[in-house]
Amino acid sequence: MKMNVSLWFCLVLTTGFLASCDFDEDVKEKTFNQNLQSFNNNYNKVDSALVLIDQMQIEIDKVEAKRDRGEINEVEAEAKSDQIKNSFGRRIARASNVNPTTKLPLWANRLGLSEPQGMQIDVDFSQSTSESNPNDGYNSVLLVYRGGYNQAMDQARIIASKAHIPMSKDFEDAQILAKEYGIESLKGMAYMNFEMGATELPPYTLAITVDEDGTLTISATDTKKLAEQLETE
């Protein structure tokens, strides 16, 4: 399995800096060990997630094989595949979440974002990174909340309005097309301060989305710092 180059680079950079400073040897050793432990923990979690993904694919392939042999029909195959994905999905999210979080960080509050009221945060899927952490190198946050559909739609509208985040142009166009062709109204919502595939992005990309099952997701990313981080990999 390939090692995460950015984490390795940050570890080397951090330990190299410590070695160049006039610190007590015990302090240097303790700091090095802490960074090494953090790196190993993150690496092991990613490795575990990849193993689960492989296991999930094996189970899905078994279902597809049964469908190809005519042992189950298309509807049954789709239902079984969805069941497998749902079963493994949370385990994969939990295993791959190296930076779990339960709240919106201060820097995101300063961007105008706020948290929904009366909804339950899903810690397995919620995570954040910080530019002050050498293992991360940039600010980002992904918060997932569960609740009723109407509640999620209302809260998303309130949060987007306070943060001055417009409805996604792509989602707006999809709504217009659905109305013109008499298609049943689209479920969910998407507010974004950027457009997918745009060549230029704002300093921070902000998005608030609602799925048809009432899942509300808030995300924010420092795009400049992220680009710098990717250049080092």
Protein backbone atom coordinates (compact mmCIF):
# COMPACT_ATOMS: atom_id res chain seq x y z
CA MET A 1 0.00 0.00 0.00
CA LYS A 2 1.31 3.48 -0.90
CA MET A 3 2.10 5.78 2.02
CA ASN A 4 0.43 9.20 2.30
CA VAL A 5 3.22 11.43 1.01
CA SER A 6 1.89 14.64 2.56
CA LEU A 7 1.82 13.12 6.03
CA TRP A 8 5.32 11.72 5.58
CA PHE A 9 6.58 15.10 4.34
CA CYS A 10 5.02 16.97 7.27
CA LEU A 11 6.54 14.51 9.73
CA VAL A 12 10.03 14.89 8.22
CA LEU A 13 9.66 18.67 8.11
CA THR A 14 8.52 18.85 11.72
CA THR A 15 11.22 16.59 13.08
CA GLY A 16 13.87 18.35 10.99
CA PHE A 17 12.84 21.69 12.43
CA LEU A 18 12.98 20.35 15.95
CA ALA A 19 16.46 18.96 15.38
CA SER A 20 17.70 22.37 14.27
CA CYS A 21 16.46 24.13 17.42
CA ASP A 22 18.27 24.32 20.71
CA PHE A 23 15.73 22.20 22.63
CA ASP A 24 16.35 19.81 25.46
CA GLU A 25 16.87 16.27 24.11
CA ASP A 26 13.97 14.88 26.17
CA VAL A 27 11.61 17.49 24.74
CA LYS A 28 12.72 16.73 21.18
CA GLU A 29 12.30 13.01 21.68
CA LYS A 30 8.86 13.42 23.23
CA THR A 31 7.66 15.69 20.41
CA PHE A 32 9.05 13.35 17.76
CA ASN A 33 7.32 10.36 19.34
CA GLN A 34 4.02 12.22 19.52
CA ASN A 35 4.19 13.15 15.83
CA LEU A 36 5.24 9.63 14.91
CA GLN A 37 2.34 8.14 16.86
CA SER A 38 -0.11 10.53 15.21
CA PHE A 39 1.26 9.64 11.77
CA ASN A 40 1.05 5.90 12.43
CA ASN A 41 -2.51 6.18 13.76
CA ASN A 42 -3.62 8.05 10.64
CA TYR A 43 -1.86 5.58 8.35
CA ASN A 44 -3.44 2.59 10.10
CA LYS A 45 -6.93 4.10 9.87
CA VAL A 46 -6.59 4.70 6.14
CA ASP A 47 -5.26 1.15 5.69
CA SER A 48 -8.26 -0.26 7.60
CA ALA A 49 -10.68 1.72 5.45
CA LEU A 50 -9.12 0.36 2.26
CA VAL A 51 -9.48 -3.20 3.57
CA LEU A 52 -13.19 -2.59 4.26
CA ILE A 53 -13.66 -1.13 0.77
CA ASP A 54 -12.13 -4.27 -0.73
CA GLN A 55 -14.41 -6.46 1.40
CA MET A 56 -17.45 -4.45 0.32
CA GLN A 57 -16.53 -4.83 -3.35
CA ILE A 58 -16.16 -8.60 -2.94
CA GLU A 59 -19.70 -8.83 -1.53
CA ILE A 60 -21.09 -6.64 -4.32
CA ASP A 61 -19.34 -8.79 -6.94
CA LYS A 62 -21.02 -11.87 -5.43
CA VAL A 63 -24.41 -10.23 -5.89
CA GLU A 64 -23.58 -9.29 -9.49
CA ALA A 65 -22.52 -12.87 -10.19
CA LYS A 66 -25.85 -14.17 -8.89
CA ARG A 67 -27.69 -11.68 -11.09
CA ASP A 68 -25.67 -12.73 -14.15
CA ARG A 69 -26.51 -16.39 -13.45
CA GLY A 70 -30.20 -15.52 -13.19
CA GLU A 71 -30.44 -16.54 -9.52
CA ILE A 72 -31.82 -13.11 -8.59
CA ASN A 73 -33.51 -10.43 -10.70
CA GLU A 74 -32.46 -6.81 -11.27
CA VAL A 75 -34.58 -5.40 -8.44
CA GLU A 76 -33.30 -7.97 -5.94
CA ALA A 77 -29.69 -7.36 -7.02
CA GLU A 78 -30.04 -3.60 -6.57
CA ALA A 79 -31.65 -4.03 -3.14
CA LYS A 80 -28.92 -6.40 -1.97
CA SER A 81 -26.17 -4.11 -3.29
CA ASP A 82 -27.69 -1.12 -1.47
CA GLN A 83 -27.90 -3.16 1.72
CA ILE A 84 -24.20 -4.07 1.45
CA LYS A 85 -23.18 -0.47 0.75
CA ASN A 86 -25.19 0.81 3.71
CA SER A 87 -23.76 -1.88 5.98
CA PHE A 88 -20.15 -1.15 5.04
CA GLY A 89 -20.58 2.60 4.53
CA ARG A 90 -20.57 3.59 8.19
CA ARG A 91 -17.74 1.22 9.04
CA ILE A 92 -15.65 2.68 6.23
CA ALA A 93 -16.45 6.24 7.29
CA ARG A 94 -15.50 5.47 10.89
CA ALA A 95 -12.26 3.78 9.87
CA SER A 96 -11.18 6.53 7.46
CA ASN A 97 -12.09 9.49 9.68
CA VAL A 98 -8.67 10.51 11.01
CA ASN A 99 -9.86 13.92 12.28
CA PRO A 100 -13.36 13.49 13.77
CA THR A 101 -15.10 16.60 15.05
CA THR A 102 -18.37 17.50 16.75
CA LYS A 103 -18.61 21.23 16.11
CA LEU A 104 -17.93 24.05 13.69
CA PRO A 105 -14.40 25.49 14.17
CA LEU A 106 -13.91 29.17 14.97
CA TRP A 107 -12.44 29.99 11.54
CA ALA A 108 -15.63 28.64 9.91
CA ASN A 109 -17.79 30.76 12.21
CA ARG A 110 -15.84 33.80 11.06
CA LEU A 111 -16.80 32.96 7.49
CA GLY A 112 -20.46 33.32 8.50
CA LEU A 113 -21.31 29.64 8.86
CA SER A 114 -23.45 28.39 11.74
CA GLU A 115 -24.79 25.04 12.88
CA PRO A 116 -28.37 23.79 12.39
CA GLN A 117 -30.74 23.82 15.32
CA GLY A 118 -32.47 20.67 16.54
CA MET A 119 -30.50 18.24 14.36
CA GLN A 120 -28.17 15.43 15.44
CA ILE A 121 -24.55 15.51 14.30
CA ASP A 122 -23.20 12.27 12.80
CA VAL A 123 -19.70 12.01 14.29
CA ASP A 124 -18.71 9.04 12.10
CA PHE A 125 -18.91 11.21 8.98
CA SER A 126 -17.95 14.61 10.43
CA GLN A 127 -14.30 15.64 10.27
CA SER A 128 -11.97 18.63 10.06
CA THR A 129 -8.38 19.58 9.30
CA SER A 130 -6.33 22.51 10.55
CA GLU A 131 -3.55 24.57 9.02
CA SER A 132 -1.92 24.69 12.47
CA ASN A 133 -1.52 20.91 12.40
CA PRO A 134 1.53 19.92 10.31
CA ASN A 135 -0.17 16.61 9.45
CA ASP A 136 -3.01 18.57 7.79
CA GLY A 137 -1.63 21.87 6.51
CA TYR A 138 -4.96 23.52 5.62
CA ASN A 139 -8.35 24.37 7.11
CA SER A 140 -11.34 22.27 6.15
CA VAL A 141 -14.48 21.00 7.83
CA LEU A 142 -17.24 18.56 6.90
CA LEU A 143 -20.21 18.35 9.27
CA VAL A 144 -23.05 15.89 8.69
CA TYR A 145 -26.38 16.22 10.50
CA ARG A 146 -29.40 13.90 10.60
CA GLY A 147 -33.02 14.93 10.99
CA GLY A 148 -36.33 15.30 9.22
CA TYR A 149 -36.39 16.44 5.59
CA ASN A 150 -38.42 19.62 6.15
CA GLN A 151 -36.31 20.53 9.16
CA ALA A 152 -33.10 20.05 7.17
CA MET A 153 -34.43 22.20 4.31
CA ASP A 154 -35.43 25.02 6.70
CA GLN A 155 -32.12 24.95 8.57
CA ALA A 156 -30.09 24.89 5.34
CA ARG A 157 -31.97 27.94 4.08
CA ILE A 158 -31.36 29.82 7.35
CA ILE A 159 -27.63 28.98 7.45
CA ALA A 160 -27.13 29.85 3.77
CA SER A 161 -28.98 33.15 4.18
CA LYS A 162 -26.84 34.19 7.16
CA ALA A 163 -23.63 33.28 5.33
CA HIS A 164 -24.83 34.85 2.04
CA ILE A 165 -24.37 31.60 0.12
CA PRO A 166 -26.56 31.40 -3.02
CA MET A 167 -28.30 28.37 -4.44
CA SER A 168 -25.99 26.35 -6.68
CA LYS A 169 -26.38 27.41 -10.32
CA ASP A 170 -26.37 23.76 -11.42
CA PHE A 171 -29.13 22.90 -8.95
CA GLU A 172 -31.12 25.97 -9.98
CA ASP A 173 -30.86 24.96 -13.66
CA ALA A 174 -31.98 21.42 -12.80
CA GLN A 175 -35.06 22.80 -11.03
CA ILE A 176 -35.94 24.92 -14.06
CA LEU A 177 -35.63 21.95 -16.43
CA ALA A 178 -37.69 19.75 -14.13
CA LYS A 179 -40.47 22.35 -14.10
CA GLU A 180 -40.37 22.90 -17.87
CA TYR A 181 -40.66 19.19 -18.67
CA GLY A 182 -43.24 18.45 -15.99
CA ILE A 183 -40.88 16.25 -14.02
CA GLU A 184 -41.60 15.70 -10.35
CA SER A 185 -39.95 18.40 -8.28
CA LEU A 186 -36.37 17.65 -7.29
CA LYS A 187 -35.75 16.67 -3.71
CA GLY A 188 -33.01 18.23 -1.62
CA MET A 189 -31.10 21.48 -1.96
CA ALA A 190 -27.60 22.77 -2.67
CA TYR A 191 -26.19 26.17 -1.69
CA MET A 192 -22.64 26.93 -2.87
CA ASN A 193 -20.39 29.98 -3.25
CA PHE A 194 -18.69 28.33 -6.26
CA GLU A 195 -19.60 26.34 -9.35
CA MET A 196 -18.47 22.80 -9.98
CA GLY A 197 -15.64 22.67 -12.52
CA ALA A 198 -14.89 26.41 -12.30
CA THR A 199 -11.32 27.40 -13.19
CA GLU A 200 -11.20 30.00 -10.43
CA LEU A 201 -12.40 29.34 -6.89
CA PRO A 202 -12.95 31.69 -3.95
CA PRO A 203 -10.41 31.69 -1.08
CA TYR A 204 -12.78 29.41 0.85
CA THR A 205 -15.29 27.13 -0.86
CA LEU A 206 -18.53 26.88 1.13
CA ALA A 207 -21.36 24.42 0.56
CA ILE A 208 -24.58 23.50 2.34
CA THR A 209 -26.52 20.55 0.94
CA VAL A 210 -29.63 18.57 1.85
CA ASP A 211 -30.29 15.00 0.69
CA GLU A 212 -33.73 13.54 0.15
CA ASP A 213 -33.42 11.53 3.37
CA GLY A 214 -33.03 14.70 5.48
CA THR A 215 -29.23 14.66 5.77
CA LEU A 216 -27.78 18.16 6.01
CA THR A 217 -24.09 18.61 5.19
CA ILE A 218 -21.95 21.71 5.77
CA SER A 219 -18.50 21.94 4.22
CA ALA A 220 -15.80 24.60 3.98
CA THR A 221 -12.26 24.39 2.60
CA ASP A 222 -9.32 26.77 2.35
CA THR A 223 -8.69 26.22 -1.36
CA LYS A 224 -5.41 28.15 -1.51
CA LYS A 225 -3.81 26.22 1.34
CA LEU A 226 -5.18 22.97 -0.03
CA ALA A 227 -3.59 23.65 -3.43
CA GLU A 228 -0.27 24.37 -1.73
CA GLN A 229 -0.59 21.14 0.22
CA LEU A 230 -1.29 19.10 -2.92
CA GLU A 231 1.74 20.60 -4.64
CA THR A 232 3.96 19.06 -1.96
CA GLU A 233 2.66 15.54 -2.59
